[in-house]
Amino acid sequence: MNVFCSIFSQILQLFPRIEFYREVRKHKAEKSAKGFTCWGQFVSMLFCQLGRAHSLREIVNGLRSCEGKLKHLGIDPPKRATLSYAIGHGNCTGMFFSISIIVVRLE
């Protein structure tokens, strides 16, 4: 049986989830989150960078087009207003910096 793993999924495997959630708890990044997690924001922003999206609409529509595959990554496609609010209020920003340091140390 052949197992298919998308390139996007392979890139996400470079970011250890255990370390990710440890940093979320350390920074209390999801303290006031109501449904849209830091992991969801991270996946959305990574999709934005890799897909060279220039607007929220491109990000949201791109994520919505591969909705079935997002379930395997543990997120639902965000609404445009939700993504805008998450980016604007920046609760996860410090945590994302810590994650980048961890990933650089792992390599």
C-alpha atoms as a PDB file:
ATOM      1  CA  MET A   1       0.000   0.000   0.000  1.00  0.00           C
ATOM      2  CA  ASN A   2       1.366   3.387  -1.000  1.00  0.00           C
ATOM      3  CA  VAL A   3       1.279   6.133   1.583  1.00  0.00           C
ATOM      4  CA  PHE A   4       0.902   9.666   0.258  1.00  0.00           C
ATOM      5  CA  CYS A   5       2.259  12.560   2.267  1.00  0.00           C
ATOM      6  CA  SER A   6       2.007  16.053   0.788  1.00  0.00           C
ATOM      7  CA  ILE A   7       5.019  18.334   0.683  1.00  0.00           C
ATOM      8  CA  PHE A   8       3.193  20.771   2.956  1.00  0.00           C
ATOM      9  CA  SER A   9       2.666  17.994   5.505  1.00  0.00           C
ATOM     10  CA  GLN A  10       6.327  17.009   5.256  1.00  0.00           C
ATOM     11  CA  ILE A  11       7.380  20.606   5.940  1.00  0.00           C
ATOM     12  CA  LEU A  12       5.063  20.753   8.963  1.00  0.00           C
ATOM     13  CA  GLN A  13       6.748  17.620  10.317  1.00  0.00           C
ATOM     14  CA  LEU A  14       9.925  19.704  10.724  1.00  0.00           C
ATOM     15  CA  PHE A  15       8.150  21.554  13.529  1.00  0.00           C
ATOM     16  CA  PRO A  16       7.767  19.165  16.480  1.00  0.00           C
ATOM     17  CA  ARG A  17       4.216  19.439  17.876  1.00  0.00           C
ATOM     18  CA  ILE A  18       5.276  18.608  21.432  1.00  0.00           C
ATOM     19  CA  GLU A  19       7.733  21.514  21.452  1.00  0.00           C
ATOM     20  CA  PHE A  20       5.137  23.714  19.754  1.00  0.00           C
ATOM     21  CA  TYR A  21       2.504  23.109  22.427  1.00  0.00           C
ATOM     22  CA  ARG A  22       5.096  23.470  25.187  1.00  0.00           C
ATOM     23  CA  GLU A  23       5.870  26.965  23.873  1.00  0.00           C
ATOM     24  CA  VAL A  24       2.146  27.750  23.590  1.00  0.00           C
ATOM     25  CA  ARG A  25       1.695  26.938  27.274  1.00  0.00           C
ATOM     26  CA  LYS A  26       4.886  28.783  28.274  1.00  0.00           C
ATOM     27  CA  HIS A  27       3.835  31.986  26.479  1.00  0.00           C
ATOM     28  CA  LYS A  28       0.131  31.570  27.389  1.00  0.00           C
ATOM     29  CA  ALA A  29      -0.564  32.318  23.741  1.00  0.00           C
ATOM     30  CA  GLU A  30      -3.974  30.638  23.670  1.00  0.00           C
ATOM     31  CA  LYS A  31      -5.210  32.163  26.916  1.00  0.00           C
ATOM     32  CA  SER A  32      -7.941  34.189  25.246  1.00  0.00           C
ATOM     33  CA  ALA A  33      -8.324  32.073  22.074  1.00  0.00           C
ATOM     34  CA  LYS A  34     -11.850  31.023  21.218  1.00  0.00           C
ATOM     35  CA  GLY A  35     -11.604  28.295  18.614  1.00  0.00           C
ATOM     36  CA  PHE A  36      -8.706  29.464  16.439  1.00  0.00           C
ATOM     37  CA  THR A  37      -5.537  27.969  17.873  1.00  0.00           C
ATOM     38  CA  CYS A  38      -1.925  28.992  17.505  1.00  0.00           C
ATOM     39  CA  TRP A  39      -1.360  25.806  15.496  1.00  0.00           C
ATOM     40  CA  GLY A  40      -4.103  26.885  13.084  1.00  0.00           C
ATOM     41  CA  GLN A  41      -2.544  30.319  12.749  1.00  0.00           C
ATOM     42  CA  PHE A  42       0.890  28.780  12.218  1.00  0.00           C
ATOM     43  CA  VAL A  43      -0.387  26.457   9.473  1.00  0.00           C
ATOM     44  CA  SER A  44      -2.194  29.383   7.826  1.00  0.00           C
ATOM     45  CA  MET A  45       0.870  31.615   7.878  1.00  0.00           C
ATOM     46  CA  LEU A  46       3.121  28.840   6.582  1.00  0.00           C
ATOM     47  CA  PHE A  47       0.614  28.212   3.781  1.00  0.00           C
ATOM     48  CA  CYS A  48       0.680  31.950   3.035  1.00  0.00           C
ATOM     49  CA  GLN A  49       4.466  32.002   2.751  1.00  0.00           C
ATOM     50  CA  LEU A  50       4.792  28.848   0.675  1.00  0.00           C
ATOM     51  CA  GLY A  51       1.832  29.704  -1.559  1.00  0.00           C
ATOM     52  CA  ARG A  52       3.011  33.308  -2.021  1.00  0.00           C
ATOM     53  CA  ALA A  53      -0.439  34.595  -1.073  1.00  0.00           C
ATOM     54  CA  HIS A  54      -0.803  38.375  -1.115  1.00  0.00           C
ATOM     55  CA  SER A  55      -4.096  38.809   0.709  1.00  0.00           C
ATOM     56  CA  LEU A  56      -6.244  37.267   3.399  1.00  0.00           C
ATOM     57  CA  ARG A  57      -8.727  36.215   0.748  1.00  0.00           C
ATOM     58  CA  GLU A  58      -6.022  34.236  -1.098  1.00  0.00           C
ATOM     59  CA  ILE A  59      -4.965  32.516   2.141  1.00  0.00           C
ATOM     60  CA  VAL A  60      -8.504  31.630   3.191  1.00  0.00           C
ATOM     61  CA  ASN A  61      -9.585  30.466  -0.266  1.00  0.00           C
ATOM     62  CA  GLY A  62      -6.412  28.424  -0.677  1.00  0.00           C
ATOM     63  CA  LEU A  63      -6.912  26.730   2.678  1.00  0.00           C
ATOM     64  CA  ARG A  64     -10.594  26.162   1.953  1.00  0.00           C
ATOM     65  CA  SER A  65      -9.725  24.461  -1.352  1.00  0.00           C
ATOM     66  CA  CYS A  66      -7.793  21.757   0.489  1.00  0.00           C
ATOM     67  CA  GLU A  67     -10.183  21.444   3.431  1.00  0.00           C
ATOM     68  CA  GLY A  68     -10.145  17.634   3.544  1.00  0.00           C
ATOM     69  CA  LYS A  69      -6.376  17.583   3.919  1.00  0.00           C
ATOM     70  CA  LEU A  70      -6.485  20.213   6.666  1.00  0.00           C
ATOM     71  CA  LYS A  71      -8.474  17.855   8.880  1.00  0.00           C
ATOM     72  CA  HIS A  72      -5.420  15.593   8.980  1.00  0.00           C
ATOM     73  CA  LEU A  73      -3.323  18.557  10.126  1.00  0.00           C
ATOM     74  CA  GLY A  74      -5.739  19.237  12.958  1.00  0.00           C
ATOM     75  CA  ILE A  75      -7.291  22.504  11.788  1.00  0.00           C
ATOM     76  CA  ASP A  76     -10.395  23.811  10.061  1.00  0.00           C
ATOM     77  CA  PRO A  77     -10.037  26.487   7.374  1.00  0.00           C
ATOM     78  CA  PRO A  78     -10.365  29.857   9.123  1.00  0.00           C
ATOM     79  CA  LYS A  79     -12.748  32.620   8.147  1.00  0.00           C
ATOM     80  CA  ARG A  80     -11.162  35.815   6.836  1.00  0.00           C
ATOM     81  CA  ALA A  81     -12.232  37.887   9.870  1.00  0.00           C
ATOM     82  CA  THR A  82     -10.879  35.267  12.293  1.00  0.00           C
ATOM     83  CA  LEU A  83      -7.497  35.156  10.567  1.00  0.00           C
ATOM     84  CA  SER A  84      -7.345  38.946  10.411  1.00  0.00           C
ATOM     85  CA  TYR A  85      -8.125  39.228  14.121  1.00  0.00           C
ATOM     86  CA  ALA A  86      -5.506  36.602  15.041  1.00  0.00           C
ATOM     87  CA  ILE A  87      -2.821  38.320  12.981  1.00  0.00           C
ATOM     88  CA  GLY A  88      -3.743  41.791  14.224  1.00  0.00           C
ATOM     89  CA  HIS A  89      -3.759  40.967  17.922  1.00  0.00           C
ATOM     90  CA  GLY A  90      -0.555  38.927  17.747  1.00  0.00           C
ATOM     91  CA  ASN A  91      -0.984  36.667  20.791  1.00  0.00           C
ATOM     92  CA  CYS A  92       1.212  34.023  19.159  1.00  0.00           C
ATOM     93  CA  THR A  93       4.026  36.266  17.891  1.00  0.00           C
ATOM     94  CA  GLY A  94       6.505  35.708  20.731  1.00  0.00           C
ATOM     95  CA  MET A  95       5.757  32.029  20.708  1.00  0.00           C
ATOM     96  CA  PHE A  96       6.442  31.794  16.947  1.00  0.00           C
ATOM     97  CA  PHE A  97       9.844  33.381  17.533  1.00  0.00           C
ATOM     98  CA  SER A  98      10.630  30.751  20.184  1.00  0.00           C
ATOM     99  CA  ILE A  99       9.551  27.965  17.831  1.00  0.00           C
ATOM    100  CA  SER A 100      11.855  29.275  15.113  1.00  0.00           C
ATOM    101  CA  ILE A 101      14.779  29.207  17.562  1.00  0.00           C
ATOM    102  CA  ILE A 102      13.945  25.597  18.498  1.00  0.00           C
ATOM    103  CA  VAL A 103      13.787  24.513  14.850  1.00  0.00           C
ATOM    104  CA  VAL A 104      17.112  26.165  14.064  1.00  0.00           C
ATOM    105  CA  ARG A 105      18.695  24.354  17.037  1.00  0.00           C
ATOM    106  CA  LEU A 106      17.322  20.999  15.835  1.00  0.00           C
ATOM    107  CA  GLU A 107      19.044  21.232  12.467  1.00  0.00           C
END
